Amino acid sequence: MFALLKLIQSIIKTLHSDGTPGQVAAGIALGAVLGLTPLMNVHNLVVFSFIVLLNVSFGGGMLGWALFVPLGFLLDPVFMAPSLRGLWTAWYNTPLVPYTNFNNTVVLGSVVAWLVLAIPIYFGAKVGVTRYRATIGERVRQSKLYKAITASQVYNWYKLFRPS
């Protein structure tokens, strides 16, 4: 229960943060690759490092990851391309490519799909965050649910410093 509350709190905090819509959108676009591809791969470590090191929204990256995990599972059968098996086999025989796990067609197909969709995801997220902040952002801030979630931060601090 607390994990779900923490996720909702993080999403709302990201949407209402001082970061520009471009920073949040870039975080969502980078987080999308984490959601679309199988998690335990070298390229995901690189992307996660980019999310941490670049001036993008970390919360946006985690939001993108959470949004694109279900989509990644739904699109796994589409990511398999048997007609390209010879090319992937040749690449797999090079020195560094085996570490990328690109011999797995789901991994390679999902990375290629993300490369194609990264720019549309960025611009769509940027428009979405801008519209959210302009239209319903203030109404959400005044809602009882938002106030309850932001008030739970006090409870989190209490849990952190309470005597055991």
Protein backbone atom coordinates (compact mmCIF):
# COMPACT_ATOMS: atom_id res chain seq x y z
CA MET A 1 0.00 0.00 0.00
CA PHE A 2 2.79 2.42 0.90
CA ALA A 3 4.62 1.62 -2.34
CA LEU A 4 1.57 2.57 -4.41
CA LEU A 5 1.10 5.74 -2.38
CA LYS A 6 4.79 6.58 -2.86
CA LEU A 7 4.48 6.03 -6.65
CA ILE A 8 1.43 8.29 -6.89
CA GLN A 9 3.19 10.87 -4.73
CA SER A 10 6.24 10.75 -7.01
CA ILE A 11 4.16 11.14 -10.17
CA ILE A 12 2.27 14.14 -8.80
CA LYS A 13 5.48 15.67 -7.47
CA THR A 14 7.09 15.29 -10.91
CA LEU A 15 4.16 16.88 -12.72
CA HIS A 16 4.10 19.80 -10.28
CA SER A 17 7.88 20.22 -10.04
CA ASP A 18 9.85 23.31 -10.97
CA GLY A 19 11.46 21.42 -13.84
CA THR A 20 10.59 22.56 -17.32
CA PRO A 21 8.18 20.49 -19.39
CA GLY A 22 11.16 19.64 -21.62
CA GLN A 23 13.09 18.14 -18.71
CA VAL A 24 10.11 16.06 -17.62
CA ALA A 25 9.45 14.97 -21.22
CA ALA A 26 13.10 14.00 -21.73
CA GLY A 27 12.94 11.92 -18.56
CA ILE A 28 9.77 10.20 -19.80
CA ALA A 29 11.35 9.52 -23.21
CA LEU A 30 14.45 7.99 -21.60
CA GLY A 31 12.34 6.04 -19.13
CA ALA A 32 10.33 4.61 -22.02
CA VAL A 33 13.31 2.50 -23.12
CA LEU A 34 13.47 0.97 -19.64
CA GLY A 35 9.81 0.01 -19.94
CA LEU A 36 9.90 -1.25 -23.51
CA THR A 37 12.99 -3.44 -23.23
CA PRO A 38 13.75 -6.36 -20.91
CA LEU A 39 15.32 -4.89 -17.79
CA MET A 40 18.59 -6.79 -17.35
CA ASN A 41 20.60 -5.47 -20.31
CA VAL A 42 23.70 -3.31 -20.71
CA HIS A 43 21.88 -0.59 -22.64
CA ASN A 44 19.43 -0.14 -19.75
CA LEU A 45 22.36 0.54 -17.44
CA VAL A 46 23.57 3.19 -19.88
CA VAL A 47 20.09 4.75 -20.16
CA PHE A 48 19.63 4.73 -16.37
CA SER A 49 23.02 6.44 -16.06
CA PHE A 50 21.86 9.09 -18.53
CA ILE A 51 18.70 9.67 -16.48
CA VAL A 52 20.79 10.16 -13.34
CA LEU A 53 23.60 12.22 -14.89
CA LEU A 54 21.79 14.43 -17.40
CA ASN A 55 19.64 17.40 -16.51
CA VAL A 56 16.38 15.50 -16.99
CA SER A 57 13.65 14.73 -14.53
CA PHE A 58 14.41 11.53 -12.59
CA GLY A 59 10.75 11.29 -11.63
CA GLY A 60 9.85 11.67 -15.30
CA GLY A 61 12.17 8.78 -16.12
CA MET A 62 10.52 6.58 -13.53
CA LEU A 63 7.09 7.69 -14.77
CA GLY A 64 8.07 6.79 -18.35
CA TRP A 65 9.31 3.42 -17.14
CA ALA A 66 6.05 2.72 -15.30
CA LEU A 67 3.92 3.81 -18.26
CA PHE A 68 5.78 1.79 -20.88
CA VAL A 69 6.23 -1.54 -19.04
CA PRO A 70 2.72 -2.78 -19.94
CA LEU A 71 3.15 -1.55 -23.51
CA GLY A 72 6.48 -3.37 -23.75
CA PHE A 73 4.86 -6.66 -22.73
CA LEU A 74 2.04 -6.15 -25.24
CA LEU A 75 4.45 -5.40 -28.09
CA ASP A 76 6.96 -8.22 -27.42
CA PRO A 77 5.54 -10.40 -30.23
CA VAL A 78 5.80 -7.47 -32.66
CA PHE A 79 9.46 -6.86 -31.78
CA MET A 80 10.51 -10.26 -33.14
CA ALA A 81 11.69 -9.97 -36.76
CA PRO A 82 12.70 -13.39 -38.15
CA SER A 83 13.62 -11.96 -41.56
CA LEU A 84 16.65 -10.20 -40.05
CA ARG A 85 18.07 -13.27 -38.29
CA GLY A 86 21.15 -13.45 -40.60
CA LEU A 87 22.12 -9.84 -39.89
CA TRP A 88 21.78 -10.28 -36.13
CA THR A 89 23.81 -13.50 -36.25
CA ALA A 90 26.63 -11.72 -38.09
CA TRP A 91 26.60 -8.85 -35.62
CA TYR A 92 26.52 -11.25 -32.69
CA ASN A 93 29.82 -12.72 -33.85
CA THR A 94 31.59 -9.36 -33.38
CA PRO A 95 33.56 -8.75 -30.14
CA LEU A 96 31.29 -6.41 -28.14
CA VAL A 97 27.76 -7.04 -29.40
CA PRO A 98 27.19 -10.27 -27.38
CA TYR A 99 27.28 -8.19 -24.17
CA THR A 100 24.34 -6.12 -25.41
CA ASN A 101 22.03 -9.15 -25.60
CA PHE A 102 20.91 -7.99 -29.05
CA ASN A 103 20.84 -11.60 -30.22
CA ASN A 104 17.52 -11.73 -28.37
CA THR A 105 15.05 -10.44 -30.95
CA VAL A 106 12.78 -8.96 -28.29
CA VAL A 107 15.63 -6.83 -26.94
CA LEU A 108 16.78 -5.64 -30.35
CA GLY A 109 13.26 -5.05 -31.65
CA SER A 110 12.26 -3.07 -28.58
CA VAL A 111 15.41 -0.91 -28.76
CA VAL A 112 14.78 -0.18 -32.44
CA ALA A 113 11.13 0.62 -31.67
CA TRP A 114 12.22 2.98 -28.90
CA LEU A 115 14.72 4.69 -31.23
CA VAL A 116 11.90 5.29 -33.70
CA LEU A 117 9.44 6.45 -31.02
CA ALA A 118 11.77 8.49 -28.77
CA ILE A 119 11.21 11.84 -30.52
CA PRO A 120 7.39 11.47 -30.73
CA ILE A 121 7.33 10.37 -27.07
CA TYR A 122 9.37 13.44 -26.10
CA PHE A 123 7.16 15.92 -27.94
CA GLY A 124 3.95 14.19 -26.85
CA ALA A 125 5.04 14.21 -23.21
CA LYS A 126 6.13 17.85 -23.45
CA VAL A 127 2.73 18.89 -24.82
CA GLY A 128 0.99 16.71 -22.22
CA VAL A 129 2.91 18.17 -19.27
CA THR A 130 2.41 21.72 -20.54
CA ARG A 131 -1.34 21.20 -20.97
CA TYR A 132 -1.62 19.47 -17.62
CA ARG A 133 0.08 22.34 -15.82
CA ALA A 134 -2.02 24.93 -17.67
CA THR A 135 -5.43 23.29 -17.27
CA ILE A 136 -5.92 20.83 -14.43
CA GLY A 137 -2.72 21.20 -12.42
CA GLU A 138 -4.11 23.82 -10.08
CA ARG A 139 -7.38 21.90 -9.60
CA VAL A 140 -5.36 18.84 -8.61
CA ARG A 141 -3.37 20.90 -6.09
CA GLN A 142 -6.62 21.97 -4.42
CA SER A 143 -8.07 18.45 -4.27
CA LYS A 144 -8.34 16.53 -1.02
CA LEU A 145 -6.43 13.56 -2.47
CA TYR A 146 -3.44 15.73 -3.41
CA LYS A 147 -3.41 17.35 -0.01
CA ALA A 148 -3.54 13.93 1.66
CA ILE A 149 -0.67 12.59 -0.45
CA THR A 150 1.51 15.62 0.13
CA ALA A 151 0.67 15.50 3.82
CA SER A 152 1.92 11.92 3.93
CA GLN A 153 5.44 13.30 3.53
CA VAL A 154 5.20 14.35 7.18
CA TYR A 155 4.44 10.74 8.05
CA ASN A 156 7.47 9.60 6.02
CA TRP A 157 9.73 11.98 7.97
CA TYR A 158 8.21 10.77 11.19
CA LYS A 159 8.95 7.15 10.24
CA LEU A 160 12.52 8.09 9.36
CA PHE A 161 13.32 9.77 12.68
CA ARG A 162 11.08 7.97 15.16
CA PRO A 163 12.82 6.15 17.98
CA SER A 164 12.79 2.37 17.66
